Amino acid sequence: MRIISFSGGTSTLVTEITNQINAKKAWKLITPSGNIGPQETRTGIDVEVNANFSKVSIITMLAPSPDWFIGIDSLDLCDNGTWRESMNVTMLPPWDAGTAEGTSFSLSNTDTNPKVNIFQITNNMAGAFNDPNPIPSLGEFRFMGLHLPVVSHDNSTINSTSASPTAMSTISTTTDSSVSKASASFAVLVSAALISVQLLF
């Protein structure tokens, strides 16, 4: 966490997640490259989930910053046994990894000694986010179903379809989007509000 939030380096976390995948405790890792500048939007990122691994976690560093990041933890793209057609995370507050000193958007900071637990940065703390009003969202993650498994009511998979209303309406009388053994794909739209982010899924 420190390396990602401080420099954007992903090698340590990639190794940790790969070990989790090998132990069958995680399924897939996606590491898009590049930055998103203030008020920019990025598309072209797809994630794949299945019945055993239906949750998505994302972390992005905030740059420049001491060791700040935003992200989501274990967002479930399945709702009561059915794939969501879309899911939007529109509130992304800043978090502090607890490893570097500093309260402004800068990279030259001393290490926190001793390290402290990760904590959410709020508007009543000294520094860049201090303000009478709550901190606005620093970005958004929007998920849109691309290929959602369509199963019959006896729970056997028939095919895969787009999550568009037209496509779903043509099969709604005999099928549904219940979670089956087949995987489901979602397109991810990422947007940044005020500052740059380094992408890591």
N, C-alpha and C. Protein backbone atom coordinates (compact mmCIF):
# COMPACT_ATOMS: atom_id res chain seq x y z
N MET A 1 0.84 -1.20 0.00
CA MET A 1 0.00 0.00 0.00
C MET A 1 0.87 1.26 0.00
N ARG A 2 1.95 1.25 0.80
CA ARG A 2 2.81 2.43 0.87
C ARG A 2 3.41 2.75 -0.49
N ILE A 3 3.90 1.72 -1.19
CA ILE A 3 4.57 1.96 -2.46
C ILE A 3 3.60 2.53 -3.49
N ILE A 4 2.39 1.98 -3.53
CA ILE A 4 1.40 2.46 -4.49
C ILE A 4 1.02 3.90 -4.19
N SER A 5 0.69 4.19 -2.95
CA SER A 5 0.21 5.53 -2.61
C SER A 5 1.33 6.56 -2.65
N PHE A 6 2.59 6.11 -2.50
CA PHE A 6 3.71 7.05 -2.48
C PHE A 6 4.28 7.31 -3.88
N SER A 7 4.49 6.22 -4.64
CA SER A 7 5.16 6.37 -5.94
C SER A 7 4.36 5.82 -7.11
N GLY A 8 3.30 5.07 -6.83
CA GLY A 8 2.55 4.45 -7.90
C GLY A 8 3.10 3.11 -8.34
N GLY A 9 4.19 2.66 -7.68
CA GLY A 9 4.77 1.37 -8.03
C GLY A 9 3.82 0.22 -7.71
N THR A 10 3.72 -0.75 -8.60
CA THR A 10 2.73 -1.82 -8.43
C THR A 10 3.34 -3.20 -8.20
N SER A 11 4.67 -3.33 -8.31
CA SER A 11 5.27 -4.66 -8.32
C SER A 11 4.97 -5.46 -7.05
N THR A 12 5.05 -4.82 -5.89
CA THR A 12 4.81 -5.54 -4.64
C THR A 12 3.38 -6.02 -4.55
N LEU A 13 2.43 -5.14 -4.86
CA LEU A 13 1.03 -5.53 -4.79
C LEU A 13 0.70 -6.59 -5.84
N VAL A 14 1.29 -6.47 -7.03
CA VAL A 14 1.06 -7.48 -8.07
C VAL A 14 1.51 -8.85 -7.57
N THR A 15 2.65 -8.89 -6.91
CA THR A 15 3.14 -10.17 -6.36
C THR A 15 2.19 -10.71 -5.31
N GLU A 16 1.71 -9.83 -4.42
CA GLU A 16 0.80 -10.27 -3.37
C GLU A 16 -0.51 -10.80 -3.95
N ILE A 17 -1.05 -10.08 -4.93
CA ILE A 17 -2.32 -10.51 -5.52
C ILE A 17 -2.12 -11.79 -6.34
N THR A 18 -1.00 -11.89 -7.04
CA THR A 18 -0.72 -13.12 -7.79
C THR A 18 -0.67 -14.32 -6.86
N ASN A 19 -0.08 -14.14 -5.69
CA ASN A 19 -0.07 -15.23 -4.70
C ASN A 19 -1.48 -15.58 -4.27
N GLN A 20 -2.33 -14.57 -4.11
CA GLN A 20 -3.73 -14.83 -3.75
C GLN A 20 -4.45 -15.57 -4.87
N ILE A 21 -4.16 -15.22 -6.11
CA ILE A 21 -4.77 -15.92 -7.25
C ILE A 21 -4.32 -17.37 -7.28
N ASN A 22 -3.04 -17.61 -7.07
CA ASN A 22 -2.52 -18.98 -7.06
C ASN A 22 -3.13 -19.80 -5.94
N ALA A 23 -3.47 -19.13 -4.84
CA ALA A 23 -4.11 -19.82 -3.71
C ALA A 23 -5.62 -19.89 -3.87
N LYS A 24 -6.12 -19.42 -5.04
CA LYS A 24 -7.55 -19.42 -5.35
C LYS A 24 -8.36 -18.58 -4.37
N LYS A 25 -7.73 -17.50 -3.89
CA LYS A 25 -8.43 -16.54 -3.03
C LYS A 25 -8.78 -15.26 -3.79
N ALA A 26 -8.31 -15.16 -5.00
CA ALA A 26 -8.65 -14.06 -5.90
C ALA A 26 -8.67 -14.64 -7.31
N TRP A 27 -9.20 -13.86 -8.27
CA TRP A 27 -9.37 -14.42 -9.61
C TRP A 27 -8.52 -13.73 -10.66
N LYS A 28 -8.64 -12.41 -10.77
CA LYS A 28 -7.93 -11.71 -11.84
C LYS A 28 -7.35 -10.40 -11.33
N LEU A 29 -6.29 -9.97 -12.00
CA LEU A 29 -5.63 -8.70 -11.70
C LEU A 29 -5.53 -7.89 -12.98
N ILE A 30 -5.93 -6.64 -12.91
CA ILE A 30 -5.83 -5.73 -14.05
C ILE A 30 -5.01 -4.53 -13.61
N THR A 31 -4.00 -4.19 -14.38
CA THR A 31 -3.15 -3.04 -14.04
C THR A 31 -3.04 -2.11 -15.24
N PRO A 32 -4.05 -1.28 -15.48
CA PRO A 32 -3.94 -0.30 -16.56
C PRO A 32 -2.80 0.66 -16.28
N SER A 33 -2.15 1.11 -17.32
CA SER A 33 -1.04 2.04 -17.15
C SER A 33 -1.49 3.46 -17.44
N GLY A 34 -0.68 4.42 -16.97
CA GLY A 34 -0.95 5.81 -17.29
C GLY A 34 -1.67 6.55 -16.19
N ASN A 35 -1.79 7.85 -16.39
CA ASN A 35 -2.44 8.73 -15.42
C ASN A 35 -3.73 9.28 -15.97
N ILE A 36 -4.57 9.75 -15.07
CA ILE A 36 -5.76 10.52 -15.43
C ILE A 36 -5.59 11.89 -14.82
N GLY A 37 -5.60 12.92 -15.64
CA GLY A 37 -5.43 14.27 -15.15
C GLY A 37 -6.70 14.83 -14.56
N PRO A 38 -6.61 16.00 -13.96
CA PRO A 38 -7.80 16.63 -13.36
C PRO A 38 -8.93 16.77 -14.37
N GLN A 39 -10.11 16.33 -13.95
CA GLN A 39 -11.34 16.43 -14.73
C GLN A 39 -11.26 15.67 -16.04
N GLU A 40 -10.43 14.64 -16.09
CA GLU A 40 -10.37 13.78 -17.27
C GLU A 40 -11.15 12.50 -17.02
N THR A 41 -11.48 11.83 -18.11
CA THR A 41 -12.22 10.57 -18.05
C THR A 41 -11.48 9.53 -18.87
N ARG A 42 -11.49 8.30 -18.39
CA ARG A 42 -10.84 7.21 -19.11
C ARG A 42 -11.79 6.05 -19.28
N THR A 43 -11.83 5.51 -20.50
CA THR A 43 -12.64 4.34 -20.80
C THR A 43 -11.72 3.25 -21.35
N GLY A 44 -12.30 2.16 -21.83
CA GLY A 44 -11.50 1.09 -22.42
C GLY A 44 -10.92 0.13 -21.41
N ILE A 45 -11.43 0.15 -20.19
CA ILE A 45 -10.99 -0.78 -19.16
C ILE A 45 -12.13 -1.76 -18.87
N ASP A 46 -11.87 -3.04 -19.03
CA ASP A 46 -12.88 -4.06 -18.78
C ASP A 46 -12.46 -4.95 -17.61
N VAL A 47 -13.42 -5.33 -16.79
CA VAL A 47 -13.17 -6.28 -15.71
C VAL A 47 -14.10 -7.47 -15.89
N GLU A 48 -13.64 -8.62 -15.43
CA GLU A 48 -14.43 -9.85 -15.55
C GLU A 48 -14.61 -10.46 -14.18
N VAL A 49 -15.82 -10.86 -13.87
CA VAL A 49 -16.15 -11.46 -12.57
C VAL A 49 -16.93 -12.76 -12.81
N ASN A 50 -17.04 -13.56 -11.75
CA ASN A 50 -17.88 -14.75 -11.85
C ASN A 50 -18.56 -14.99 -10.51
N ALA A 51 -19.29 -16.08 -10.42
CA ALA A 51 -20.09 -16.33 -9.22
C ALA A 51 -19.23 -16.47 -7.97
N ASN A 52 -18.04 -17.02 -8.11
CA ASN A 52 -17.16 -17.20 -6.96
C ASN A 52 -16.39 -15.94 -6.61
N PHE A 53 -16.15 -15.10 -7.60
CA PHE A 53 -15.40 -13.86 -7.40
C PHE A 53 -16.18 -12.72 -8.07
N SER A 54 -17.18 -12.23 -7.38
CA SER A 54 -18.07 -11.21 -7.94
C SER A 54 -17.73 -9.81 -7.45
N LYS A 55 -16.69 -9.68 -6.62
CA LYS A 55 -16.36 -8.38 -6.03
C LYS A 55 -15.11 -7.78 -6.67
N VAL A 56 -15.10 -6.46 -6.77
CA VAL A 56 -13.99 -5.75 -7.39
C VAL A 56 -13.41 -4.75 -6.39
N SER A 57 -12.09 -4.70 -6.30
CA SER A 57 -11.40 -3.70 -5.49
C SER A 57 -10.48 -2.90 -6.41
N ILE A 58 -10.40 -1.60 -6.18
CA ILE A 58 -9.58 -0.72 -6.99
C ILE A 58 -8.81 0.23 -6.08
N ILE A 59 -7.56 0.49 -6.41
CA ILE A 59 -6.79 1.49 -5.69
C ILE A 59 -6.08 2.37 -6.71
N THR A 60 -6.08 3.67 -6.49
CA THR A 60 -5.34 4.61 -7.33
C THR A 60 -4.61 5.59 -6.41
N MET A 61 -3.37 5.88 -6.74
CA MET A 61 -2.65 6.89 -5.97
C MET A 61 -3.13 8.28 -6.39
N LEU A 62 -3.00 9.22 -5.50
CA LEU A 62 -3.24 10.63 -5.82
C LEU A 62 -1.87 11.28 -6.00
N ALA A 63 -1.70 11.97 -7.11
CA ALA A 63 -0.39 12.54 -7.40
C ALA A 63 -0.49 14.01 -7.79
N PRO A 64 0.43 14.83 -7.24
CA PRO A 64 1.43 14.46 -6.22
C PRO A 64 0.80 14.49 -4.83
N SER A 65 1.28 13.66 -3.96
CA SER A 65 0.82 13.66 -2.57
C SER A 65 1.81 12.88 -1.72
N PRO A 66 1.74 13.02 -0.39
CA PRO A 66 2.66 12.26 0.47
C PRO A 66 2.45 10.75 0.33
N ASP A 67 1.24 10.29 0.59
CA ASP A 67 0.90 8.86 0.46
C ASP A 67 -0.61 8.70 0.44
N TRP A 68 -1.27 9.51 -0.36
CA TRP A 68 -2.73 9.53 -0.40
C TRP A 68 -3.23 8.69 -1.57
N PHE A 69 -4.43 8.17 -1.42
CA PHE A 69 -5.01 7.35 -2.47
C PHE A 69 -6.53 7.38 -2.37
N ILE A 70 -7.18 6.91 -3.42
CA ILE A 70 -8.61 6.68 -3.40
C ILE A 70 -8.85 5.27 -3.92
N GLY A 71 -10.03 4.75 -3.68
CA GLY A 71 -10.32 3.41 -4.18
C GLY A 71 -11.64 2.89 -3.67
N ILE A 72 -11.92 1.66 -4.03
CA ILE A 72 -13.10 0.95 -3.55
C ILE A 72 -12.66 -0.43 -3.08
N ASP A 73 -13.36 -0.95 -2.09
CA ASP A 73 -13.01 -2.23 -1.49
C ASP A 73 -14.17 -3.20 -1.59
N SER A 74 -13.97 -4.27 -2.37
CA SER A 74 -14.93 -5.37 -2.44
C SER A 74 -16.32 -4.92 -2.89
N LEU A 75 -16.37 -4.17 -3.98
CA LEU A 75 -17.65 -3.78 -4.56
C LEU A 75 -18.26 -4.99 -5.25
N ASP A 76 -19.45 -5.39 -4.82
CA ASP A 76 -20.09 -6.59 -5.35
C ASP A 76 -20.92 -6.24 -6.58
N LEU A 77 -20.57 -6.81 -7.72
CA LEU A 77 -21.31 -6.58 -8.96
C LEU A 77 -22.47 -7.55 -9.12
N CYS A 78 -22.70 -8.32 -8.08
CA CYS A 78 -23.85 -9.22 -8.03
C CYS A 78 -24.80 -8.74 -6.94
N ASP A 79 -26.09 -8.73 -7.22
CA ASP A 79 -27.10 -8.28 -6.27
C ASP A 79 -28.15 -9.36 -6.09
N ASN A 80 -28.10 -10.05 -4.94
CA ASN A 80 -29.07 -11.10 -4.63
C ASN A 80 -29.18 -12.13 -5.74
N GLY A 81 -28.01 -12.58 -6.22
CA GLY A 81 -27.99 -13.65 -7.20
C GLY A 81 -28.16 -13.21 -8.64
N THR A 82 -28.19 -11.91 -8.88
CA THR A 82 -28.36 -11.40 -10.24
C THR A 82 -27.27 -10.37 -10.54
N TRP A 83 -26.70 -10.45 -11.74
CA TRP A 83 -25.69 -9.47 -12.11
C TRP A 83 -26.30 -8.09 -12.24
N ARG A 84 -25.63 -7.11 -11.71
CA ARG A 84 -26.09 -5.73 -11.88
C ARG A 84 -25.86 -5.32 -13.34
N GLU A 85 -26.81 -4.59 -13.90
CA GLU A 85 -26.61 -4.09 -15.26
C GLU A 85 -25.65 -2.90 -15.24
N SER A 86 -25.63 -2.17 -14.14
CA SER A 86 -24.68 -1.06 -13.99
C SER A 86 -24.49 -0.80 -12.50
N MET A 87 -23.39 -0.13 -12.18
CA MET A 87 -23.09 0.21 -10.80
C MET A 87 -22.17 1.42 -10.80
N ASN A 88 -22.57 2.46 -10.09
CA ASN A 88 -21.78 3.69 -10.06
C ASN A 88 -21.30 3.99 -8.65
N VAL A 89 -20.02 4.27 -8.53
CA VAL A 89 -19.43 4.72 -7.26
C VAL A 89 -19.06 6.18 -7.47
N THR A 90 -19.87 7.06 -6.92
CA THR A 90 -19.71 8.49 -7.21
C THR A 90 -19.14 9.28 -6.05
N MET A 91 -18.83 8.61 -4.94
CA MET A 91 -18.22 9.29 -3.81
C MET A 91 -16.91 8.60 -3.47
N LEU A 92 -15.79 9.26 -3.79
CA LEU A 92 -14.47 8.72 -3.53
C LEU A 92 -13.69 9.71 -2.68
N PRO A 93 -13.68 9.53 -1.35
CA PRO A 93 -12.92 10.42 -0.47
C PRO A 93 -11.44 10.05 -0.48
N PRO A 94 -10.58 10.96 -0.06
CA PRO A 94 -9.15 10.63 0.02
C PRO A 94 -8.82 9.83 1.27
N TRP A 95 -7.82 8.95 1.14
CA TRP A 95 -7.32 8.15 2.25
C TRP A 95 -5.82 8.37 2.40
N ASP A 96 -5.33 8.23 3.62
CA ASP A 96 -3.91 8.38 3.94
C ASP A 96 -3.36 7.00 4.31
N ALA A 97 -2.27 6.60 3.67
CA ALA A 97 -1.70 5.28 3.93
C ALA A 97 -0.98 5.20 5.26
N GLY A 98 -0.74 6.35 5.91
CA GLY A 98 -0.14 6.35 7.24
C GLY A 98 1.35 6.07 7.24
N THR A 99 2.02 6.35 6.10
CA THR A 99 3.45 6.02 6.01
C THR A 99 4.35 7.22 5.76
N ALA A 100 3.75 8.37 5.40
CA ALA A 100 4.56 9.56 5.10
C ALA A 100 3.91 10.79 5.69
N GLU A 101 4.77 11.72 6.18
CA GLU A 101 4.28 12.98 6.71
C GLU A 101 3.92 13.91 5.55
N GLY A 102 3.11 14.92 5.86
CA GLY A 102 2.77 15.90 4.84
C GLY A 102 1.28 16.13 4.75
N THR A 103 0.90 17.38 4.54
CA THR A 103 -0.52 17.73 4.45
C THR A 103 -0.83 18.50 3.17
N SER A 104 0.12 18.52 2.23
CA SER A 104 -0.10 19.25 0.98
C SER A 104 0.21 18.33 -0.20
N PHE A 105 -0.15 18.80 -1.38
CA PHE A 105 0.09 18.01 -2.59
C PHE A 105 1.55 18.12 -2.99
N SER A 106 2.38 17.30 -2.37
CA SER A 106 3.81 17.31 -2.66
C SER A 106 4.37 15.90 -2.50
N LEU A 107 5.55 15.66 -3.11
CA LEU A 107 6.18 14.34 -3.04
C LEU A 107 7.35 14.30 -2.08
N SER A 108 7.86 15.46 -1.69
CA SER A 108 9.03 15.51 -0.80
C SER A 108 8.58 15.52 0.65
N ASN A 109 8.47 14.33 1.23
CA ASN A 109 7.97 14.21 2.60
C ASN A 109 8.77 13.16 3.36
N THR A 110 8.88 13.35 4.66
CA THR A 110 9.58 12.39 5.49
C THR A 110 8.65 11.23 5.85
N ASP A 111 9.26 10.11 6.20
CA ASP A 111 8.48 8.94 6.60
C ASP A 111 7.81 9.17 7.95
N THR A 112 6.63 8.63 8.10
CA THR A 112 5.95 8.62 9.40
C THR A 112 6.59 7.54 10.26
N ASN A 113 7.01 7.91 11.46
CA ASN A 113 7.67 6.96 12.34
C ASN A 113 7.15 7.13 13.76
N PRO A 114 6.46 6.15 14.30
CA PRO A 114 6.14 4.87 13.67
C PRO A 114 4.98 5.01 12.67
N LYS A 115 4.84 4.01 11.80
CA LYS A 115 3.74 4.00 10.85
C LYS A 115 2.41 3.92 11.61
N VAL A 116 1.37 4.46 11.01
CA VAL A 116 0.04 4.40 11.62
C VAL A 116 -0.90 3.69 10.65
N ASN A 117 -2.07 3.33 11.14
CA ASN A 117 -3.04 2.65 10.30
C ASN A 117 -3.58 3.59 9.22
N ILE A 118 -4.05 3.02 8.14
CA ILE A 118 -4.70 3.79 7.08
C ILE A 118 -5.90 4.52 7.67
N PHE A 119 -6.09 5.78 7.26
CA PHE A 119 -7.24 6.52 7.76
C PHE A 119 -7.79 7.43 6.66
N GLN A 120 -9.07 7.75 6.80
CA GLN A 120 -9.71 8.64 5.83
C GLN A 120 -9.40 10.09 6.17
N ILE A 121 -9.05 10.86 5.18
CA ILE A 121 -8.79 12.29 5.36
C ILE A 121 -10.12 13.03 5.34
N THR A 122 -10.32 13.93 6.29
CA THR A 122 -11.56 14.67 6.37
C THR A 122 -11.30 16.18 6.28
N ASN A 123 -12.36 16.92 6.11
CA ASN A 123 -12.23 18.37 5.91
C ASN A 123 -11.84 19.13 7.18
N ASN A 124 -11.91 18.49 8.36
CA ASN A 124 -11.52 19.19 9.59
C ASN A 124 -10.07 18.94 9.98
N MET A 125 -9.32 18.26 9.10
CA MET A 125 -7.91 18.06 9.35
C MET A 125 -7.11 19.19 8.70
N ALA A 126 -5.96 19.52 9.29
CA ALA A 126 -5.10 20.56 8.72
C ALA A 126 -4.56 20.12 7.37
N GLY A 127 -4.38 21.08 6.48
CA GLY A 127 -3.77 20.74 5.21
C GLY A 127 -4.63 21.06 4.01
N ALA A 128 -4.32 20.40 2.91
CA ALA A 128 -4.91 20.73 1.61
C ALA A 128 -6.42 20.56 1.57
N PHE A 129 -6.96 19.67 2.40
CA PHE A 129 -8.39 19.40 2.34
C PHE A 129 -9.17 20.13 3.42
N ASN A 130 -8.49 20.95 4.21
CA ASN A 130 -9.19 21.68 5.28
C ASN A 130 -10.18 22.67 4.68
N ASP A 131 -11.43 22.56 5.13
CA ASP A 131 -12.48 23.39 4.54
C ASP A 131 -13.71 23.30 5.44
N PRO A 132 -14.53 24.35 5.50
CA PRO A 132 -15.76 24.25 6.29
C PRO A 132 -16.72 23.19 5.76
N ASN A 133 -16.64 22.91 4.47
CA ASN A 133 -17.55 21.95 3.85
C ASN A 133 -16.89 20.58 3.69
N PRO A 134 -17.68 19.52 3.64
CA PRO A 134 -17.12 18.18 3.43
C PRO A 134 -16.33 18.11 2.12
N ILE A 135 -15.37 17.22 2.07
CA ILE A 135 -14.56 17.05 0.87
C ILE A 135 -15.42 16.47 -0.26
N PRO A 136 -15.45 17.11 -1.41
CA PRO A 136 -16.22 16.53 -2.51
C PRO A 136 -15.53 15.28 -3.05
N SER A 137 -16.25 14.48 -3.79
CA SER A 137 -15.67 13.27 -4.37
C SER A 137 -14.51 13.62 -5.28
N LEU A 138 -13.44 12.84 -5.20
CA LEU A 138 -12.26 13.09 -6.02
C LEU A 138 -12.31 12.33 -7.34
N GLY A 139 -13.40 11.65 -7.60
CA GLY A 139 -13.52 10.94 -8.87
C GLY A 139 -14.72 10.03 -8.85
N GLU A 140 -14.86 9.21 -9.89
CA GLU A 140 -15.97 8.28 -10.00
C GLU A 140 -15.50 7.00 -10.69
N PHE A 141 -16.11 5.90 -10.31
CA PHE A 141 -15.98 4.65 -11.03
C PHE A 141 -17.38 4.23 -11.46
N ARG A 142 -17.55 4.00 -12.75
CA ARG A 142 -18.85 3.58 -13.28
C ARG A 142 -18.68 2.25 -14.00
N PHE A 143 -19.48 1.27 -13.60
CA PHE A 143 -19.43 -0.06 -14.19
C PHE A 143 -20.68 -0.29 -15.03
N MET A 144 -20.50 -0.76 -16.26
CA MET A 144 -21.61 -1.07 -17.15
C MET A 144 -21.46 -2.49 -17.66
N GLY A 145 -22.49 -3.31 -17.46
CA GLY A 145 -22.43 -4.69 -17.91
C GLY A 145 -22.28 -4.79 -19.41
N LEU A 146 -21.33 -5.62 -19.85
CA LEU A 146 -21.11 -5.84 -21.28
C LEU A 146 -21.64 -7.19 -21.72
N HIS A 147 -21.17 -8.23 -21.05
CA HIS A 147 -21.58 -9.59 -21.39
C HIS A 147 -22.03 -10.28 -20.11
N LEU A 148 -23.33 -10.22 -19.85
CA LEU A 148 -23.89 -10.81 -18.65
C LEU A 148 -24.48 -12.16 -19.00
N PRO A 149 -24.06 -13.23 -18.32
CA PRO A 149 -24.60 -14.56 -18.62
C PRO A 149 -26.12 -14.57 -18.46
N VAL A 150 -26.79 -15.12 -19.42
CA VAL A 150 -28.25 -15.24 -19.37
C VAL A 150 -28.58 -16.70 -19.16
N VAL A 151 -29.35 -16.98 -18.12
CA VAL A 151 -29.66 -18.36 -17.78
C VAL A 151 -31.15 -18.58 -17.79
N SER A 152 -31.54 -19.79 -18.07
CA SER A 152 -32.96 -20.13 -18.02
C SER A 152 -33.37 -20.29 -16.57
N HIS A 153 -34.66 -20.45 -16.33
CA HIS A 153 -35.13 -20.55 -14.96
C HIS A 153 -34.73 -21.87 -14.31
N ASP A 154 -34.26 -22.83 -15.12
CA ASP A 154 -33.72 -24.04 -14.49
C ASP A 154 -32.24 -23.90 -14.20
N ASN A 155 -31.73 -22.63 -14.39
CA ASN A 155 -30.38 -22.24 -14.01
C ASN A 155 -29.30 -22.76 -14.96
N SER A 156 -29.68 -23.17 -16.17
CA SER A 156 -28.69 -23.57 -17.16
C SER A 156 -28.39 -22.38 -18.05
N THR A 157 -27.11 -22.20 -18.35
CA THR A 157 -26.72 -21.04 -19.14
C THR A 157 -27.15 -21.21 -20.59
N ILE A 158 -27.78 -20.15 -21.15
CA ILE A 158 -28.19 -20.18 -22.55
C ILE A 158 -27.17 -19.47 -23.42
N ASN A 159 -26.90 -18.21 -23.11
CA ASN A 159 -25.95 -17.43 -23.89
C ASN A 159 -25.52 -16.24 -23.07
N SER A 160 -24.88 -15.32 -23.73
CA SER A 160 -24.43 -14.10 -23.09
C SER A 160 -24.96 -12.93 -23.88
N THR A 161 -25.38 -11.88 -23.18
CA THR A 161 -25.99 -10.76 -23.87
C THR A 161 -25.51 -9.44 -23.32
N SER A 162 -25.64 -8.42 -24.12
CA SER A 162 -25.38 -7.07 -23.65
C SER A 162 -26.43 -6.70 -22.63
N ALA A 163 -26.09 -5.75 -21.74
CA ALA A 163 -27.03 -5.35 -20.69
C ALA A 163 -27.94 -4.23 -21.16
N SER A 164 -28.05 -4.01 -22.47
CA SER A 164 -28.91 -2.94 -22.94
C SER A 164 -30.36 -3.29 -22.69
N PRO A 165 -31.23 -2.29 -22.43
CA PRO A 165 -32.64 -2.56 -22.16
C PRO A 165 -33.30 -3.34 -23.28
N THR A 166 -32.95 -3.05 -24.55
CA THR A 166 -33.59 -3.75 -25.66
C THR A 166 -33.26 -5.22 -25.64
N ALA A 167 -31.97 -5.53 -25.45
CA ALA A 167 -31.57 -6.93 -25.44
C ALA A 167 -32.22 -7.67 -24.29
N MET A 168 -32.25 -7.05 -23.11
CA MET A 168 -32.83 -7.73 -21.97
C MET A 168 -34.32 -7.93 -22.15
N SER A 169 -34.99 -6.98 -22.79
CA SER A 169 -36.44 -7.09 -22.92
C SER A 169 -36.84 -8.22 -23.85
N THR A 170 -35.97 -8.57 -24.79
CA THR A 170 -36.32 -9.62 -25.73
C THR A 170 -36.28 -11.00 -25.10
N ILE A 171 -35.64 -11.13 -23.95
CA ILE A 171 -35.53 -12.44 -23.33
C ILE A 171 -36.16 -12.48 -21.94
N SER A 172 -36.76 -11.39 -21.53
CA SER A 172 -37.21 -11.29 -20.16
C SER A 172 -38.33 -12.26 -19.83
N THR A 173 -39.04 -12.73 -20.81
CA THR A 173 -40.16 -13.62 -20.52
C THR A 173 -39.71 -15.03 -20.20
N THR A 174 -38.50 -15.41 -20.65
CA THR A 174 -38.07 -16.78 -20.44
C THR A 174 -36.73 -16.89 -19.73
N THR A 175 -35.98 -15.77 -19.62
CA THR A 175 -34.66 -15.85 -19.03
C THR A 175 -34.45 -14.71 -18.07
N ASP A 176 -33.35 -14.78 -17.34
CA ASP A 176 -32.96 -13.68 -16.46
C ASP A 176 -31.46 -13.60 -16.43
N SER A 177 -30.92 -12.64 -15.68
CA SER A 177 -29.46 -12.47 -15.61
C SER A 177 -28.90 -13.02 -14.31
N SER A 178 -29.51 -14.11 -13.81
CA SER A 178 -29.03 -14.71 -12.57
C SER A 178 -27.59 -15.17 -12.72
N VAL A 179 -26.86 -15.13 -11.62
CA VAL A 179 -25.47 -15.54 -11.64
C VAL A 179 -25.36 -17.03 -11.89
N SER A 180 -24.54 -17.41 -12.84
CA SER A 180 -24.29 -18.81 -13.14
C SER A 180 -22.80 -19.07 -13.09
N LYS A 181 -22.36 -20.22 -13.59
CA LYS A 181 -20.94 -20.54 -13.60
C LYS A 181 -20.18 -19.70 -14.62
N ALA A 182 -20.88 -19.16 -15.61
CA ALA A 182 -20.22 -18.34 -16.62
C ALA A 182 -19.78 -17.01 -16.02
N SER A 183 -18.75 -16.41 -16.61
CA SER A 183 -18.26 -15.13 -16.12
C SER A 183 -19.05 -13.99 -16.75
N ALA A 184 -18.98 -12.82 -16.11
CA ALA A 184 -19.65 -11.62 -16.60
C ALA A 184 -18.60 -10.53 -16.79
N SER A 185 -18.76 -9.72 -17.83
CA SER A 185 -17.81 -8.66 -18.12
C SER A 185 -18.45 -7.30 -17.92
N PHE A 186 -17.69 -6.37 -17.37
CA PHE A 186 -18.14 -5.00 -17.14
C PHE A 186 -17.12 -4.02 -17.68
N ALA A 187 -17.61 -2.99 -18.37
CA ALA A 187 -16.76 -1.88 -18.78
C ALA A 187 -16.67 -0.90 -17.63
N VAL A 188 -15.49 -0.34 -17.41
CA VAL A 188 -15.27 0.59 -16.32
C VAL A 188 -14.93 1.97 -16.89
N LEU A 189 -15.67 2.97 -16.46
CA LEU A 189 -15.37 4.36 -16.79
C LEU A 189 -14.81 5.02 -15.55
N VAL A 190 -13.63 5.62 -15.67
CA VAL A 190 -12.96 6.26 -14.54
C VAL A 190 -12.86 7.75 -14.83
N SER A 191 -13.23 8.56 -13.87
CA SER A 191 -13.07 10.00 -14.04
C SER A 191 -12.44 10.59 -12.79
N ALA A 192 -11.61 11.61 -12.98
CA ALA A 192 -10.93 12.29 -11.89
C ALA A 192 -11.52 13.68 -11.72
N ALA A 193 -11.60 14.12 -10.48
CA ALA A 193 -12.23 15.41 -10.20
C ALA A 193 -11.22 16.56 -10.19
N LEU A 194 -10.27 16.50 -9.27
CA LEU A 194 -9.41 17.66 -9.03
C LEU A 194 -7.94 17.40 -9.29
N ILE A 195 -7.48 16.18 -9.07
CA ILE A 195 -6.05 15.91 -9.16
C ILE A 195 -5.82 14.62 -9.91
N SER A 196 -4.56 14.36 -10.27
CA SER A 196 -4.23 13.20 -11.08
C SER A 196 -4.32 11.93 -10.25
N VAL A 197 -4.61 10.83 -10.93
CA VAL A 197 -4.59 9.53 -10.28
C VAL A 197 -3.75 8.58 -11.13
N GLN A 198 -3.12 7.61 -10.44
CA GLN A 198 -2.37 6.55 -11.12
C GLN A 198 -3.22 5.30 -11.03
N LEU A 199 -3.56 4.71 -12.16
CA LEU A 199 -4.52 3.62 -12.19
C LEU A 199 -3.89 2.30 -11.74
N LEU A 200 -4.63 1.59 -10.88
CA LEU A 200 -4.30 0.21 -10.54
C LEU A 200 -5.58 -0.49 -10.14
N PHE A 201 -5.93 -1.56 -10.84
CA PHE A 201 -7.13 -2.34 -10.51
C PHE A 201 -6.69 -3.63 -9.86
